[in-house]
Amino acid sequence: MKAELPKNEKERLTALKQLNILDTPLEERFERITRIVSRSLNVPIAAVSLIDESRQWFKSIQGLSASETPRDHLAFCARAILVLPEFPWRTLDVV
C-alpha cells in the first residue's frame, strides 16, 4: 500500500534537503533523546526519523537495528506527516 503524499510534499522535501541532515553519522544528542524517550515511556522502540522521497531514514533509533525503511508499506511516519503537513519538522506524539 503506497503512502499518500502530503499536499506540501515539494516544499517539505526542499526544507528537509536544506537541513543537510540525511545520511549523516550518528550524533550523541539524538541518541540521548531516543534513549530517554524509550526509558521514560517504557517503549521498546523510539526513533528520530526523517521522510524523504523514498524512505524513512533514522537519525537515531532504539530497539531496531535498521537505519532506514522504505517509505511505502512500512513507514508509519510517512502517514504521520499527513496529520500536520505544515509542520514537517515537528515531532508528533503518535502513541
C-alpha atoms as a PDB file:
ATOM      1  CA  MET A   1       0.000   0.000   0.000  1.00  0.00           C
ATOM      2  CA  LYS A   2       1.569   3.234  -1.156  1.00  0.00           C
ATOM      3  CA  ALA A   3       1.596   6.065   1.381  1.00  0.00           C
ATOM      4  CA  GLU A   4      -0.368   9.155   0.444  1.00  0.00           C
ATOM      5  CA  LEU A   5       1.730  12.281  -0.113  1.00  0.00           C
ATOM      6  CA  PRO A   6       1.137  15.497   1.822  1.00  0.00           C
ATOM      7  CA  LYS A   7      -0.153  18.460  -0.169  1.00  0.00           C
ATOM      8  CA  ASN A   8       3.063  20.351   0.558  1.00  0.00           C
ATOM      9  CA  GLU A   9       5.375  17.481  -0.406  1.00  0.00           C
ATOM     10  CA  LYS A  10       7.575  19.570  -2.705  1.00  0.00           C
ATOM     11  CA  GLU A  11       8.100  22.282  -0.087  1.00  0.00           C
ATOM     12  CA  ARG A  12       8.588  19.700   2.681  1.00  0.00           C
ATOM     13  CA  LEU A  13      11.299  17.906   0.725  1.00  0.00           C
ATOM     14  CA  THR A  14      13.021  21.200  -0.100  1.00  0.00           C
ATOM     15  CA  ALA A  15      13.063  22.116   3.611  1.00  0.00           C
ATOM     16  CA  LEU A  16      14.355  18.659   4.518  1.00  0.00           C
ATOM     17  CA  LYS A  17      17.192  18.846   1.996  1.00  0.00           C
ATOM     18  CA  GLN A  18      18.175  22.298   3.257  1.00  0.00           C
ATOM     19  CA  LEU A  19      18.781  20.788   6.695  1.00  0.00           C
ATOM     20  CA  ASN A  20      21.663  18.710   5.274  1.00  0.00           C
ATOM     21  CA  ILE A  21      20.992  16.024   7.871  1.00  0.00           C
ATOM     22  CA  LEU A  22      20.125  12.981   5.751  1.00  0.00           C
ATOM     23  CA  ASP A  23      22.767  10.228   5.755  1.00  0.00           C
ATOM     24  CA  THR A  24      24.870  11.952   8.396  1.00  0.00           C
ATOM     25  CA  PRO A  25      26.661   9.969  11.122  1.00  0.00           C
ATOM     26  CA  LEU A  26      25.114   9.177  14.494  1.00  0.00           C
ATOM     27  CA  GLU A  27      25.129  12.062  16.953  1.00  0.00           C
ATOM     28  CA  GLU A  28      25.078  11.560  20.693  1.00  0.00           C
ATOM     29  CA  ARG A  29      22.482  14.322  21.211  1.00  0.00           C
ATOM     30  CA  PHE A  30      19.926  12.413  19.122  1.00  0.00           C
ATOM     31  CA  GLU A  31      20.927   9.077  20.657  1.00  0.00           C
ATOM     32  CA  ARG A  32      20.358  10.581  24.097  1.00  0.00           C
ATOM     33  CA  ILE A  33      16.864  11.725  23.106  1.00  0.00           C
ATOM     34  CA  THR A  34      15.782   8.294  21.884  1.00  0.00           C
ATOM     35  CA  ARG A  35      17.275   6.558  24.938  1.00  0.00           C
ATOM     36  CA  ILE A  36      15.451   8.943  27.286  1.00  0.00           C
ATOM     37  CA  VAL A  37      12.154   8.520  25.416  1.00  0.00           C
ATOM     38  CA  SER A  38      12.448   4.731  25.354  1.00  0.00           C
ATOM     39  CA  ARG A  39      13.232   4.501  29.065  1.00  0.00           C
ATOM     40  CA  SER A  40      10.854   7.208  30.254  1.00  0.00           C
ATOM     41  CA  LEU A  41       7.859   5.917  28.332  1.00  0.00           C
ATOM     42  CA  ASN A  42       8.836   2.276  28.729  1.00  0.00           C
ATOM     43  CA  VAL A  43       8.507   1.641  24.990  1.00  0.00           C
ATOM     44  CA  PRO A  44      10.602  -0.856  23.040  1.00  0.00           C
ATOM     45  CA  ILE A  45      11.218   1.462  20.064  1.00  0.00           C
ATOM     46  CA  ALA A  46      11.987   5.184  19.955  1.00  0.00           C
ATOM     47  CA  ALA A  47      13.246   6.992  16.866  1.00  0.00           C
ATOM     48  CA  VAL A  48      14.087  10.297  15.291  1.00  0.00           C
ATOM     49  CA  SER A  49      13.136   9.692  11.687  1.00  0.00           C
ATOM     50  CA  LEU A  50      13.026  11.786   8.549  1.00  0.00           C
ATOM     51  CA  ILE A  51      10.983  11.003   5.450  1.00  0.00           C
ATOM     52  CA  ASP A  52      12.484  11.747   2.041  1.00  0.00           C
ATOM     53  CA  GLU A  53      11.127  10.785  -1.394  1.00  0.00           C
ATOM     54  CA  SER A  54      11.598   7.065  -0.977  1.00  0.00           C
ATOM     55  CA  ARG A  55      12.453   6.167   2.605  1.00  0.00           C
ATOM     56  CA  GLN A  56      12.105   6.727   6.301  1.00  0.00           C
ATOM     57  CA  TRP A  57      15.673   7.398   7.486  1.00  0.00           C
ATOM     58  CA  PHE A  58      16.554   7.126  11.161  1.00  0.00           C
ATOM     59  CA  LYS A  59      18.838   9.771  12.592  1.00  0.00           C
ATOM     60  CA  SER A  60      18.580   7.785  15.810  1.00  0.00           C
ATOM     61  CA  ILE A  61      16.705   4.652  16.768  1.00  0.00           C
ATOM     62  CA  GLN A  62      16.494   2.468  19.853  1.00  0.00           C
ATOM     63  CA  GLY A  63      15.023  -1.016  19.689  1.00  0.00           C
ATOM     64  CA  LEU A  64      15.626  -1.731  15.988  1.00  0.00           C
ATOM     65  CA  SER A  65      18.795  -2.323  14.037  1.00  0.00           C
ATOM     66  CA  ALA A  66      17.528  -0.733  10.801  1.00  0.00           C
ATOM     67  CA  SER A  67      18.980   2.554   9.580  1.00  0.00           C
ATOM     68  CA  GLU A  68      16.067   3.124   7.206  1.00  0.00           C
ATOM     69  CA  THR A  69      12.897   1.548   5.860  1.00  0.00           C
ATOM     70  CA  PRO A  70      11.076   2.051   2.551  1.00  0.00           C
ATOM     71  CA  ARG A  71       8.608   4.908   2.657  1.00  0.00           C
ATOM     72  CA  ASP A  72       5.939   2.692   1.142  1.00  0.00           C
ATOM     73  CA  HIS A  73       4.437  -0.103   3.211  1.00  0.00           C
ATOM     74  CA  LEU A  74       6.436   0.134   6.460  1.00  0.00           C
ATOM     75  CA  ALA A  75       6.927   3.803   7.265  1.00  0.00           C
ATOM     76  CA  PHE A  76       4.402   4.777   9.920  1.00  0.00           C
ATOM     77  CA  CYS A  77       5.864   8.290   9.902  1.00  0.00           C
ATOM     78  CA  ALA A  78       5.018   8.641   6.210  1.00  0.00           C
ATOM     79  CA  ARG A  79       1.415   8.582   7.363  1.00  0.00           C
ATOM     80  CA  ALA A  80       2.031  10.765  10.420  1.00  0.00           C
ATOM     81  CA  ILE A  81       3.253  13.683   8.278  1.00  0.00           C
ATOM     82  CA  LEU A  82      -0.215  13.790   6.737  1.00  0.00           C
ATOM     83  CA  VAL A  83      -1.676  14.833  10.099  1.00  0.00           C
ATOM     84  CA  LEU A  84       0.124  18.187  10.276  1.00  0.00           C
ATOM     85  CA  PRO A  85       1.809  18.608   6.892  1.00  0.00           C
ATOM     86  CA  GLU A  86       2.556  22.287   7.511  1.00  0.00           C
ATOM     87  CA  PHE A  87       4.938  21.244  10.325  1.00  0.00           C
ATOM     88  CA  PRO A  88       7.253  18.691   8.634  1.00  0.00           C
ATOM     89  CA  TRP A  89       9.962  19.081  11.275  1.00  0.00           C
ATOM     90  CA  ARG A  90       7.739  18.744  14.329  1.00  0.00           C
ATOM     91  CA  THR A  91       7.782  15.552  16.325  1.00  0.00           C
ATOM     92  CA  LEU A  92       4.307  14.088  16.585  1.00  0.00           C
ATOM     93  CA  ASP A  93       3.145  12.145  19.614  1.00  0.00           C
ATOM     94  CA  VAL A  94       1.638   9.116  17.928  1.00  0.00           C
ATOM     95  CA  VAL A  95       1.454   6.862  20.981  1.00  0.00           C
END
